[in-house]
């Protein structure tokens, strides 16, 4: 039913939509007075009520709001006497049934370079923040990384790096973070090392798994939905929800069903509707590539329950995601994350293959070169042959040095003028000083006896010990609430103190999404944004009903 309602709204031109807000009562009274003075050619009042007799549906002056005549009114010779009553009671009652989801304004945006229209939904108000006194998380900016098979493309029009996939500028922007996973900069090479380079495990000769070729650096700003902060108030790391593995722009199934952490984005299958919550968990268990500070992140966009090829405009509209439109910053209501790409680094340059005189890994391999060859013992790699860069894969210190070299090489590339439009990574101290204190966004940090502190390029909040000399919160955290109409689990059930690892990273369902590779499909992406609809719509509808009922009694007594 909700899908049908949403589809009907999207197809209606924006100029034909009336939306109900706090002024509805006054508007209704004015409309009643105006309509009372009008007659249609047959002499009955309210010519604006258009009826399709064959379908037995009426449409009120509030447009596209269905009035089922079989339920609310009997259109007959008695219309003159009871027509007003039918309208006054029919429109508010039908509106009340769907007010929580239909209170919105719909606009059509024409994408540059394409004649196709893209629907964008903006909620008239947001229940999450409204129910919590207007409290919002303060924006947090971090640097994260994705290992990709395709390099970003600089757009002169947008003046930013975009995906090469997408037939419009907006679609190319959406494709980069359209329900994907990212990694902390410190853990960016983990998946390459564990899954991508071992020639004994290559399915295509002389090609890294998933064609891994570039490390792309993202500057990402998040403002989580307020309900999400409450729902995951005990989660580790603070400020985030549960990490969800994502493949092909879809939440990866756990067995035959979507994980609960995905369902709560939209309230699927009776779960609580908290909004598109960015997730994160610490991943440190893989002995093939133990990288310190290795966090994975999940960024849910629209219709995350479907693969990209199966997404429809209607699904994207009904289940809006967290990615903000290009140029818009997150507010936790209409969207929860935005990004810009700082630049990228070719893995062949990083590991030293191009220094050997080869243009690509494929060329190096076909000439007999071996990047990495090892046996997976279950407790790590037993290395047979390796280029210098990948030596000692099971050593945390060696892995940290690999990350350090990656950052230094990229910053040199972005600073020396040889790579136009790239920006070096800011220092961790610069990021920390610009971001809010952890206790301002997290109840867990606000109540921590030794406080919290931000660390890493990903600006993760770490709960401090007594020896860390961290600043302790000086004020109490607000008492946030969850949706009152949910029959789902409590916040304790949904906010377990989690630092779950990825399990066996040789299993594609878990690690196939962790690489966050861009999908090699030049499909048009239609993106819709919305926050959860405001519960205040029900209150507005109640006001309309009260005015309507009173007027109906007066008029019906006079006719």
Protein backbone atom coordinates (compact mmCIF):
# COMPACT_ATOMS: atom_id res chain seq x y z
CA UNK A 1 0.00 0.00 0.00
CA UNK A 2 2.78 2.42 0.91
CA UNK A 3 4.52 1.77 -2.41
CA UNK A 4 1.30 2.54 -4.30
CA UNK A 5 0.80 5.73 -2.33
CA UNK A 6 4.37 6.87 -2.91
CA UNK A 7 4.24 6.02 -6.61
CA UNK A 8 1.06 8.08 -6.99
CA UNK A 9 2.67 11.07 -5.27
CA UNK A 10 5.79 10.96 -7.42
CA UNK A 11 3.78 10.97 -10.65
CA UNK A 12 1.79 14.09 -9.73
CA UNK A 13 3.20 17.38 -11.06
CA UNK A 14 4.54 19.54 -8.22
CA UNK A 15 2.15 22.37 -8.90
CA UNK A 16 -0.81 20.08 -8.15
CA UNK A 17 0.25 19.13 -4.66
CA UNK A 18 -1.15 20.70 -1.53
CA UNK A 19 0.70 19.85 1.61
CA UNK A 20 -0.71 19.97 5.10
CA UNK A 21 1.12 21.97 7.73
CA UNK A 22 0.51 24.03 10.82
CA UNK A 23 -1.70 26.45 8.90
CA UNK A 24 -4.07 23.75 7.70
CA UNK A 25 -6.91 24.70 10.05
CA UNK A 26 -7.04 28.27 8.76
CA UNK A 27 -6.71 27.08 5.18
CA UNK A 28 -9.57 24.64 5.62
CA UNK A 29 -11.86 27.32 7.05
CA UNK A 30 -11.09 29.65 4.15
CA UNK A 31 -11.65 26.87 1.62
CA UNK A 32 -15.01 25.99 3.17
CA UNK A 33 -16.24 29.58 2.95
CA UNK A 34 -15.08 29.85 -0.66
CA UNK A 35 -16.59 26.56 -1.72
CA UNK A 36 -19.93 27.31 -0.07
CA UNK A 37 -20.39 30.22 -2.46
CA UNK A 38 -19.83 28.13 -5.59
CA UNK A 39 -22.15 25.94 -7.63
CA UNK A 40 -21.47 23.67 -10.55
CA UNK A 41 -23.70 23.51 -13.68
CA UNK A 42 -25.97 20.93 -12.09
CA UNK A 43 -26.59 23.13 -9.10
CA UNK A 44 -24.70 21.13 -6.50
CA UNK A 45 -22.06 22.64 -4.33
CA UNK A 46 -18.34 21.84 -4.55
CA UNK A 47 -17.68 21.53 -8.28
CA UNK A 48 -14.02 20.95 -7.34
CA UNK A 49 -14.86 17.40 -6.25
CA UNK A 50 -14.26 15.38 -9.39
CA UNK A 51 -15.80 11.91 -9.44
CA UNK A 52 -14.98 9.04 -11.72
CA UNK A 53 -18.21 7.10 -11.56
CA UNK A 54 -16.78 3.95 -13.10
CA UNK A 55 -14.08 3.64 -10.47
CA UNK A 56 -16.20 5.02 -7.64
CA UNK A 57 -13.37 7.33 -6.61
CA UNK A 58 -13.63 11.02 -5.84
CA UNK A 59 -10.79 13.49 -5.65
CA UNK A 60 -11.11 16.34 -3.24
CA UNK A 61 -9.86 19.92 -3.65
CA UNK A 62 -6.80 18.70 -1.78
CA UNK A 63 -6.05 16.85 -5.03
CA UNK A 64 -4.81 13.30 -5.44
CA UNK A 65 -6.09 12.49 -1.92
CA UNK A 66 -8.44 9.55 -2.57
CA UNK A 67 -11.94 9.60 -1.18
CA UNK A 68 -13.55 6.16 -1.31
CA UNK A 69 -17.23 6.83 -1.90
CA UNK A 70 -18.14 3.34 -0.80
CA UNK A 71 -16.80 4.16 2.67
CA UNK A 72 -17.22 7.85 3.21
CA UNK A 73 -20.11 9.02 1.07
CA UNK A 74 -23.08 7.92 -1.00
CA UNK A 75 -23.37 10.00 -4.15
CA UNK A 76 -27.02 10.11 -5.06
CA UNK A 77 -29.90 12.47 -5.34
CA UNK A 78 -29.18 13.37 -1.73
CA UNK A 79 -25.82 14.97 -2.76
CA UNK A 80 -27.09 18.51 -2.40
CA UNK A 81 -27.96 17.90 1.24
CA UNK A 82 -25.05 15.72 2.24
CA UNK A 83 -22.34 16.63 -0.31
CA UNK A 84 -20.67 18.99 2.09
CA UNK A 85 -20.62 16.36 4.82
CA UNK A 86 -19.11 13.85 2.38
CA UNK A 87 -16.30 16.17 1.43
CA UNK A 88 -15.55 17.45 4.89
CA UNK A 89 -15.34 14.00 6.43
CA UNK A 90 -13.94 12.13 3.45
CA UNK A 91 -10.85 14.19 2.77
CA UNK A 92 -9.58 14.39 6.35
CA UNK A 93 -10.25 10.71 7.05
CA UNK A 94 -8.43 9.48 3.97
CA UNK A 95 -5.63 11.91 4.65
CA UNK A 96 -5.22 10.68 8.21
CA UNK A 97 -4.66 7.12 7.00
CA UNK A 98 -1.55 8.10 5.09
CA UNK A 99 -0.53 11.42 6.62
CA UNK A 100 2.60 10.07 8.26
CA UNK A 101 4.04 9.11 4.86
CA UNK A 102 2.40 11.53 2.45
CA UNK A 103 3.23 14.82 4.14
CA UNK A 104 5.86 16.01 1.76
CA UNK A 105 6.56 18.25 -1.13
CA UNK A 106 7.64 16.71 -4.40
CA UNK A 107 9.75 18.56 -6.90
CA UNK A 108 11.20 17.55 -10.23
CA UNK A 109 14.83 18.27 -10.91
CA UNK A 110 16.10 18.12 -14.44
CA UNK A 111 19.65 16.83 -14.48
CA UNK A 112 22.21 18.64 -16.52
CA UNK A 113 22.97 16.81 -19.72
CA UNK A 114 19.92 14.62 -19.56
CA UNK A 115 16.29 15.03 -20.34
CA UNK A 116 15.29 12.63 -17.61
CA UNK A 117 13.69 13.96 -14.48
CA UNK A 118 14.80 12.83 -11.07
CA UNK A 119 12.43 12.90 -8.13
CA UNK A 120 13.62 14.50 -4.93
CA UNK A 121 11.54 14.24 -1.78
CA UNK A 122 11.90 16.65 1.09
CA UNK A 123 9.97 15.94 4.27
CA UNK A 124 7.87 18.84 5.49
CA UNK A 125 9.22 18.16 8.96
CA UNK A 126 11.12 15.39 10.70
CA UNK A 127 9.78 13.26 13.52
CA UNK A 128 13.22 12.20 14.73
CA UNK A 129 14.52 15.64 15.69
CA UNK A 130 11.09 17.10 16.50
CA UNK A 131 10.45 14.35 19.03
CA UNK A 132 13.78 15.15 20.70
CA UNK A 133 13.46 18.88 21.15
CA UNK A 134 15.15 19.64 17.84
CA UNK A 135 18.44 18.07 18.94
CA UNK A 136 20.81 17.13 16.12
CA UNK A 137 24.20 15.51 16.05
CA UNK A 138 26.96 17.99 15.20
CA UNK A 139 28.65 17.35 11.82
CA UNK A 140 31.77 15.17 11.85
CA UNK A 141 34.23 15.18 8.95
CA UNK A 142 36.68 12.34 8.38
CA UNK A 143 38.94 10.93 5.69
CA UNK A 144 38.15 7.42 4.46
CA UNK A 145 39.25 5.25 1.57
CA UNK A 146 37.85 2.86 -1.01
CA UNK A 147 39.74 0.40 -3.15
CA UNK A 148 38.27 0.67 -6.65
CA UNK A 149 38.72 -0.84 -10.07
CA UNK A 150 37.95 2.49 -11.75
CA UNK A 151 39.57 5.87 -11.24
CA UNK A 152 37.41 8.92 -10.48
CA UNK A 153 36.91 11.41 -13.30
CA UNK A 154 37.28 15.16 -12.83
CA UNK A 155 34.15 17.09 -13.76
CA UNK A 156 34.76 20.61 -14.98
CA UNK A 157 31.06 21.31 -14.65
CA UNK A 158 30.79 20.20 -11.02
CA UNK A 159 34.40 21.05 -10.13
CA UNK A 160 34.81 17.77 -8.29
CA UNK A 161 35.80 14.14 -8.79
CA UNK A 162 32.91 11.94 -9.87
CA UNK A 163 32.35 8.34 -10.93
CA UNK A 164 32.89 7.53 -14.59
CA UNK A 165 29.53 5.75 -14.49
CA UNK A 166 26.31 7.71 -14.84
CA UNK A 167 24.78 9.58 -17.78
CA UNK A 168 24.30 12.80 -15.81
CA UNK A 169 26.44 14.77 -13.40
CA UNK A 170 24.09 13.97 -10.53
CA UNK A 171 24.06 10.25 -11.38
CA UNK A 172 27.87 10.19 -11.51
CA UNK A 173 27.92 11.85 -8.09
CA UNK A 174 25.46 9.35 -6.63
CA UNK A 175 27.29 6.30 -8.00
CA UNK A 176 30.34 6.86 -5.80
CA UNK A 177 28.49 6.32 -2.50
CA UNK A 178 25.32 4.53 -3.57
CA UNK A 179 25.04 2.00 -0.71
CA UNK A 180 28.70 1.05 -0.36
CA UNK A 181 31.35 0.21 2.21
CA UNK A 182 34.49 2.21 2.86
CA UNK A 183 37.50 1.66 5.10
CA UNK A 184 39.59 3.80 7.36
CA UNK A 185 42.73 5.11 5.68
CA UNK A 186 44.72 3.03 8.16
CA UNK A 187 42.95 -0.13 7.00
CA UNK A 188 42.60 0.62 3.29
CA UNK A 189 45.22 -1.91 2.23
CA UNK A 190 43.90 -4.74 4.40
CA UNK A 191 41.51 -6.15 1.81
CA UNK A 192 44.02 -5.74 -1.02
CA UNK A 193 46.57 -7.73 0.94
CA UNK A 194 44.21 -10.40 2.26
CA UNK A 195 42.11 -10.99 -0.84
CA UNK A 196 43.45 -9.22 -3.90
CA UNK A 197 47.08 -10.06 -4.62
CA UNK A 198 47.73 -13.75 -3.95
CA UNK A 199 48.29 -15.37 -7.35
CA UNK A 200 47.29 -18.74 -5.89
CA UNK A 201 43.76 -17.39 -5.42
CA UNK A 202 43.31 -15.38 -8.63
CA UNK A 203 40.24 -16.39 -10.63
CA UNK A 204 41.53 -14.44 -13.65
CA UNK A 205 45.21 -14.83 -14.45
CA UNK A 206 47.23 -11.65 -14.08
CA UNK A 207 44.32 -9.69 -12.62
CA UNK A 208 43.85 -8.75 -8.98
CA UNK A 209 40.56 -9.76 -7.42
CA UNK A 210 37.75 -7.45 -8.54
CA UNK A 211 40.34 -5.69 -10.68
CA UNK A 212 41.67 -3.71 -7.71
CA UNK A 213 43.62 -0.80 -9.11
CA UNK A 214 43.18 2.45 -7.13
CA UNK A 215 42.96 3.66 -3.56
CA UNK A 216 40.54 6.60 -3.59
CA UNK A 217 40.49 9.07 -0.70
CA UNK A 218 37.16 10.53 0.40
CA UNK A 219 36.42 13.47 2.67
CA UNK A 220 33.08 12.53 4.22
CA UNK A 221 30.81 14.53 6.52
CA UNK A 222 28.09 12.80 8.52
CA UNK A 223 25.16 13.89 10.67
CA UNK A 224 23.39 10.79 11.92
CA UNK A 225 19.59 10.68 12.35
CA UNK A 226 18.64 11.48 15.94
CA UNK A 227 16.68 8.26 16.38
CA UNK A 228 19.80 6.40 15.25
CA UNK A 229 21.96 8.05 17.91
CA UNK A 230 19.51 6.84 20.54
CA UNK A 231 19.04 3.38 19.02
CA UNK A 232 22.80 2.74 18.95
CA UNK A 233 23.70 4.71 22.06
CA UNK A 234 25.89 1.88 23.43
CA UNK A 235 27.51 0.92 20.14
CA UNK A 236 31.26 0.81 19.59
CA UNK A 237 32.51 2.97 18.00
CA UNK A 238 30.33 5.81 19.31
CA UNK A 239 28.44 8.04 16.82
CA UNK A 240 27.87 5.07 14.47
CA UNK A 241 25.42 2.25 13.95
CA UNK A 242 26.12 -1.37 13.14
CA UNK A 243 28.32 -2.03 10.11
CA UNK A 244 26.38 -3.61 7.23
CA UNK A 245 28.16 -5.42 4.40
CA UNK A 246 27.05 -4.06 1.02
CA UNK A 247 27.42 -5.44 -2.51
CA UNK A 248 26.02 -4.11 -5.77
CA UNK A 249 24.40 -1.13 -3.99
CA UNK A 250 22.48 -3.55 -1.73
CA UNK A 251 22.72 -4.71 1.87
CA UNK A 252 24.25 -8.19 1.76
CA UNK A 253 21.81 -10.84 2.98
CA UNK A 254 22.50 -12.79 6.15
CA UNK A 255 21.38 -16.22 5.03
CA UNK A 256 18.18 -15.65 3.09
CA UNK A 257 17.14 -12.35 4.65
CA UNK A 258 18.36 -8.80 5.06
CA UNK A 259 20.22 -8.08 8.31
CA UNK A 260 18.22 -6.24 10.97
CA UNK A 261 20.71 -3.35 10.83
CA UNK A 262 19.62 -2.80 7.22
CA UNK A 263 15.90 -3.09 7.91
CA UNK A 264 15.97 -0.29 10.48
CA UNK A 265 17.01 2.19 7.78
CA UNK A 266 13.38 2.22 6.61
CA UNK A 267 11.44 0.22 9.21
CA UNK A 268 11.17 -2.89 7.03
CA UNK A 269 9.32 -5.99 8.29
CA UNK A 270 8.08 -4.23 11.40
CA UNK A 271 11.50 -3.11 12.60
CA UNK A 272 11.95 0.33 14.10
CA UNK A 273 12.43 3.12 11.52
CA UNK A 274 15.50 5.07 12.62
CA UNK A 275 16.64 6.42 9.25
CA UNK A 276 19.74 5.79 7.09
CA UNK A 277 22.36 5.38 9.80
CA UNK A 278 26.01 5.24 8.77
CA UNK A 279 27.56 2.15 10.36
CA UNK A 280 31.06 1.24 11.51
CA UNK A 281 32.80 -1.67 13.22
CA UNK A 282 36.42 -2.46 14.02
CA UNK A 283 37.92 -5.21 11.83
CA UNK A 284 41.14 -6.66 13.21
CA UNK A 285 40.81 -10.43 13.24
CA UNK A 286 42.20 -11.49 9.85
CA UNK A 287 45.70 -12.92 10.43
CA UNK A 288 46.54 -12.50 6.74
CA UNK A 289 46.46 -8.71 7.11
CA UNK A 290 46.29 -7.36 10.68
CA UNK A 291 46.18 -3.60 10.13
CA UNK A 292 45.92 -1.38 13.24
CA UNK A 293 43.00 1.06 13.17
CA UNK A 294 41.13 -0.91 10.53
CA UNK A 295 37.51 0.25 10.64
CA UNK A 296 34.92 -0.49 7.99
CA UNK A 297 31.96 1.78 7.28
CA UNK A 298 28.59 1.31 5.61
CA UNK A 299 26.78 4.12 3.79
CA UNK A 300 23.13 3.31 3.04
CA UNK A 301 21.54 5.13 0.17
CA UNK A 302 18.06 4.72 -1.31
CA UNK A 303 16.38 1.33 -1.80
CA UNK A 304 19.25 -0.49 -0.10
CA UNK A 305 17.25 -3.73 -0.02
CA UNK A 306 17.59 -4.14 -3.81
CA UNK A 307 20.53 -4.60 -6.17
CA UNK A 308 21.34 -1.60 -8.34
CA UNK A 309 19.95 -3.27 -11.46
CA UNK A 310 16.65 -3.95 -9.66
CA UNK A 311 16.14 -0.51 -8.14
CA UNK A 312 13.23 1.50 -9.51
CA UNK A 313 12.55 5.21 -9.18
CA UNK A 314 9.54 4.30 -7.06
CA UNK A 315 11.64 2.19 -4.69
CA UNK A 316 14.26 4.91 -4.36
CA UNK A 317 11.51 7.43 -3.61
CA UNK A 318 9.74 5.26 -1.06
CA UNK A 319 12.95 4.22 0.71
CA UNK A 320 15.19 7.31 0.57
CA UNK A 321 18.83 7.02 1.54
CA UNK A 322 21.38 9.06 3.39
CA UNK A 323 23.42 10.58 0.55
CA UNK A 324 22.87 14.32 0.25
CA UNK A 325 22.31 15.91 -3.17
CA UNK A 326 25.44 17.36 -4.70
CA UNK A 327 26.44 20.56 -2.91
CA UNK A 328 24.17 19.94 0.10
CA UNK A 329 25.50 19.31 3.60
CA UNK A 330 23.89 16.70 5.89
CA UNK A 331 21.49 17.74 8.64
CA UNK A 332 20.40 14.33 9.94
CA UNK A 333 16.88 14.92 8.65
CA UNK A 334 16.84 15.23 4.87
CA UNK A 335 20.18 13.40 4.46
CA UNK A 336 22.93 12.00 6.64
CA UNK A 337 26.19 12.09 4.65
CA UNK A 338 27.96 14.02 1.92
CA UNK A 339 31.37 13.61 0.34
CA UNK A 340 34.05 14.92 -1.92
CA UNK A 341 36.92 12.95 -3.39
CA UNK A 342 40.34 14.40 -2.60
CA UNK A 343 42.19 12.24 -5.11
CA UNK A 344 43.48 8.74 -5.72
CA UNK A 345 46.61 6.62 -5.90
CA UNK A 346 47.42 3.89 -8.41
CA UNK A 347 48.26 0.66 -6.56
CA UNK A 348 50.86 -0.23 -9.21
CA UNK A 349 52.71 2.99 -8.34
CA UNK A 350 52.42 2.34 -4.61
CA UNK A 351 53.82 -1.20 -4.64
CA UNK A 352 56.68 -0.35 -7.02
CA UNK A 353 55.59 -2.15 -10.21
CA UNK A 354 55.79 0.97 -12.38
CA UNK A 355 59.26 1.68 -10.99
CA UNK A 356 60.33 -1.66 -12.50
CA UNK A 357 59.51 -0.34 -15.96
CA UNK A 358 56.02 -1.83 -16.34
CA UNK A 359 52.95 0.29 -17.01
CA UNK A 360 50.49 -2.07 -15.29
CA UNK A 361 50.34 -5.10 -13.03
CA UNK A 362 48.97 -7.13 -15.93
CA UNK A 363 52.03 -6.32 -18.03
CA UNK A 364 54.31 -7.17 -15.09
CA UNK A 365 52.53 -10.48 -14.48
CA UNK A 366 52.47 -11.53 -18.13
CA UNK A 367 56.22 -10.98 -18.20
CA UNK A 368 56.60 -13.55 -15.44
CA UNK A 369 56.57 -11.20 -12.46
CA UNK A 370 55.00 -12.27 -9.16
CA UNK A 371 53.49 -9.62 -6.89
CA UNK A 372 52.58 -12.01 -4.07
CA UNK A 373 52.35 -15.79 -3.83
CA UNK A 374 51.47 -17.55 -0.59
CA UNK A 375 49.58 -20.40 1.02
CA UNK A 376 46.68 -19.54 3.29
CA UNK A 377 47.21 -21.65 6.40
CA UNK A 378 44.14 -20.40 8.23
CA UNK A 379 46.32 -18.57 10.70
CA UNK A 380 47.99 -16.33 8.17
CA UNK A 381 50.01 -16.48 4.97
CA UNK A 382 52.98 -18.75 4.39
CA UNK A 383 54.76 -16.65 1.78
CA UNK A 384 56.49 -18.31 -1.17
CA UNK A 385 57.38 -15.22 -3.18
CA UNK A 386 56.68 -11.49 -2.88
CA UNK A 387 57.84 -8.10 -4.07
CA UNK A 388 59.38 -6.00 -1.30
CA UNK A 389 56.28 -3.92 -0.62
CA UNK A 390 54.18 -6.88 0.59
CA UNK A 391 56.78 -8.64 2.76
CA UNK A 392 55.83 -9.63 6.35
CA UNK A 393 52.06 -9.58 5.79
CA UNK A 394 51.29 -10.90 9.28
CA UNK A 395 53.30 -8.20 11.06
CA UNK A 396 51.22 -5.28 12.38
CA UNK A 397 54.19 -2.94 12.42
CA UNK A 398 55.05 -3.78 8.80
CA UNK A 399 51.42 -3.20 7.82
CA UNK A 400 51.38 0.18 9.58
CA UNK A 401 54.50 1.14 7.62
CA UNK A 402 52.72 0.23 4.38
CA UNK A 403 49.90 2.58 5.32
CA UNK A 404 52.38 5.33 6.18
CA UNK A 405 54.08 4.95 2.80
CA UNK A 406 50.70 5.10 1.04
CA UNK A 407 49.75 8.38 2.74
CA UNK A 408 53.16 9.93 2.11
CA UNK A 409 53.16 8.95 -1.57
CA UNK A 410 49.65 10.27 -2.09
CA UNK A 411 50.35 13.58 -0.34
CA UNK A 412 53.46 14.05 -2.46
CA UNK A 413 51.47 13.30 -5.60
CA UNK A 414 48.74 15.77 -4.61
CA UNK A 415 51.19 18.50 -3.64
CA UNK A 416 53.86 18.47 -6.34
CA UNK A 417 51.65 19.81 -9.12
CA UNK A 418 51.85 16.73 -11.32
CA UNK A 419 48.28 15.67 -10.57
CA UNK A 420 45.80 18.47 -11.14
CA UNK A 421 42.79 18.89 -8.86
CA UNK A 422 44.01 16.55 -6.14
CA UNK A 423 44.21 17.71 -2.52
CA UNK A 424 46.56 16.27 0.11
CA UNK A 425 45.10 14.62 3.19
CA UNK A 426 44.74 16.99 6.16
CA UNK A 427 46.60 16.02 9.32
CA UNK A 428 44.76 14.08 12.00
CA UNK A 429 45.25 17.01 14.39
CA UNK A 430 43.65 19.39 11.89
CA UNK A 431 40.62 17.13 11.57
CA UNK A 432 40.28 16.71 15.33
CA UNK A 433 40.43 20.42 16.05
CA UNK A 434 37.71 21.10 13.48
CA UNK A 435 35.33 18.39 14.72
CA UNK A 436 33.06 18.52 17.78
CA UNK A 437 34.03 16.79 20.98
CA UNK A 438 32.87 13.19 21.20
CA UNK A 439 30.66 13.84 24.23
CA UNK A 440 28.63 16.35 22.23
CA UNK A 441 27.39 13.60 19.89
CA UNK A 442 27.54 10.43 21.94
CA UNK A 443 25.75 9.53 25.19
CA UNK A 444 28.34 6.80 25.69
CA UNK A 445 31.17 9.35 25.65
CA UNK A 446 29.19 11.87 27.69
CA UNK A 447 28.90 9.31 30.49
CA UNK A 448 32.41 7.83 30.19
CA UNK A 449 34.25 8.32 33.47
CA UNK A 450 37.51 9.12 31.66
CA UNK A 451 36.00 10.78 28.62
CA UNK A 452 36.58 10.06 24.92
CA UNK A 453 39.01 11.30 22.29
CA UNK A 454 39.06 11.28 18.49
CA UNK A 455 41.75 9.35 16.65
CA UNK A 456 42.80 8.26 13.16
CA UNK A 457 41.90 9.87 9.84
CA UNK A 458 38.42 8.41 10.32
CA UNK A 459 38.03 10.46 13.54
CA UNK A 460 36.72 7.53 15.54
CA UNK A 461 35.81 8.33 19.15
CA UNK A 462 37.75 6.12 21.53
CA UNK A 463 36.72 5.68 25.17
CA UNK A 464 39.72 6.75 27.24
CA UNK A 465 41.38 5.06 30.18
CA UNK A 466 42.55 6.91 33.27
CA UNK A 467 46.08 7.12 31.87
CA UNK A 468 45.03 8.84 28.65
CA UNK A 469 44.39 12.22 30.29
CA UNK A 470 41.32 12.85 28.14
CA UNK A 471 38.85 15.63 28.80
CA UNK A 472 35.76 14.47 30.69
CA UNK A 473 32.32 15.72 29.67
CA UNK A 474 31.27 18.83 31.57
CA UNK A 475 27.53 18.51 30.97
CA UNK A 476 24.93 15.76 30.73
CA UNK A 477 23.78 14.37 27.39
CA UNK A 478 20.14 15.07 26.43
CA UNK A 479 17.65 12.30 27.13
CA UNK A 480 16.72 11.23 23.61
CA UNK A 481 13.70 9.09 22.76
CA UNK A 482 12.79 6.49 20.15
CA UNK A 483 9.63 6.36 18.00
CA UNK A 484 6.65 5.78 20.29
CA UNK A 485 4.68 3.82 17.68
CA UNK A 486 7.28 1.11 17.20
CA UNK A 487 6.69 -2.44 18.34
CA UNK A 488 10.29 -3.31 17.61
CA UNK A 489 13.09 -4.04 20.02
CA UNK A 490 14.32 -1.49 22.53
CA UNK A 491 17.43 0.57 22.05
CA UNK A 492 19.36 -1.89 24.15
CA UNK A 493 18.55 -4.68 21.70
CA UNK A 494 19.55 -2.59 18.74
CA UNK A 495 22.60 -0.98 20.24
CA UNK A 496 24.76 -3.76 21.53
CA UNK A 497 28.26 -2.79 22.47
CA UNK A 498 29.63 -4.17 19.26
CA UNK A 499 33.06 -4.44 17.74
CA UNK A 500 32.12 -7.39 15.56
CA UNK A 501 34.74 -8.58 13.10
CA UNK A 502 34.11 -9.71 9.56
CA UNK A 503 34.58 -13.39 10.30
CA UNK A 504 36.16 -15.48 7.58
CA UNK A 505 37.19 -12.86 5.08
CA UNK A 506 37.49 -15.49 2.38
CA UNK A 507 33.69 -15.59 2.33
CA UNK A 508 32.46 -13.24 -0.37
CA UNK A 509 29.22 -12.44 1.45
CA UNK A 510 31.24 -10.75 4.15
CA UNK A 511 34.35 -9.45 2.49
CA UNK A 512 33.19 -9.07 -1.06
CA UNK A 513 31.52 -5.90 0.04
CA UNK A 514 34.29 -4.67 2.25
CA UNK A 515 36.44 -3.69 -0.70
CA UNK A 516 33.80 -1.13 -1.65
CA UNK A 517 34.64 -1.48 -5.33
CA UNK A 518 32.62 0.58 -7.76
CA UNK A 519 30.27 -1.56 -9.81
CA UNK A 520 31.29 -1.79 -13.45
CA UNK A 521 27.84 -1.05 -14.78
CA UNK A 522 27.11 2.10 -16.70
CA UNK A 523 23.59 2.23 -15.38
CA UNK A 524 21.68 5.41 -14.84
CA UNK A 525 21.21 6.07 -11.13
CA UNK A 526 18.11 7.81 -9.95
CA UNK A 527 18.51 9.16 -6.45
CA UNK A 528 15.89 10.41 -4.03
CA UNK A 529 16.45 11.86 -0.61
CA UNK A 530 14.16 12.17 2.32
CA UNK A 531 14.05 12.03 6.02
CA UNK A 532 11.32 10.17 7.85
CA UNK A 533 7.93 11.84 7.55
CA UNK A 534 6.91 13.97 10.47
CA UNK A 535 4.51 12.68 13.05
CA UNK A 536 3.16 16.22 13.27
CA UNK A 537 1.13 15.50 10.12
CA UNK A 538 -1.28 13.50 12.24
CA UNK A 539 -1.77 16.50 14.49
CA UNK A 540 -2.44 18.73 11.47
CA UNK A 541 -4.95 16.23 10.14
CA UNK A 542 -6.69 16.18 13.51
CA UNK A 543 -7.10 19.94 13.30
CA UNK A 544 -8.64 19.62 9.85
CA UNK A 545 -11.00 16.94 11.06
CA UNK A 546 -12.14 19.06 13.99
CA UNK A 547 -12.89 22.07 11.80
CA UNK A 548 -14.56 19.86 9.21
CA UNK A 549 -16.78 18.07 11.70
CA UNK A 550 -18.00 21.31 13.24
CA UNK A 551 -18.71 22.90 9.86
CA UNK A 552 -20.48 19.75 8.69
CA UNK A 553 -22.84 19.81 11.62
CA UNK A 554 -23.69 23.46 11.05
CA UNK A 555 -24.21 23.19 7.31
CA UNK A 556 -26.12 19.91 7.36
CA UNK A 557 -28.54 21.37 9.87
CA UNK A 558 -29.24 24.29 7.56
CA UNK A 559 -29.69 22.35 4.32
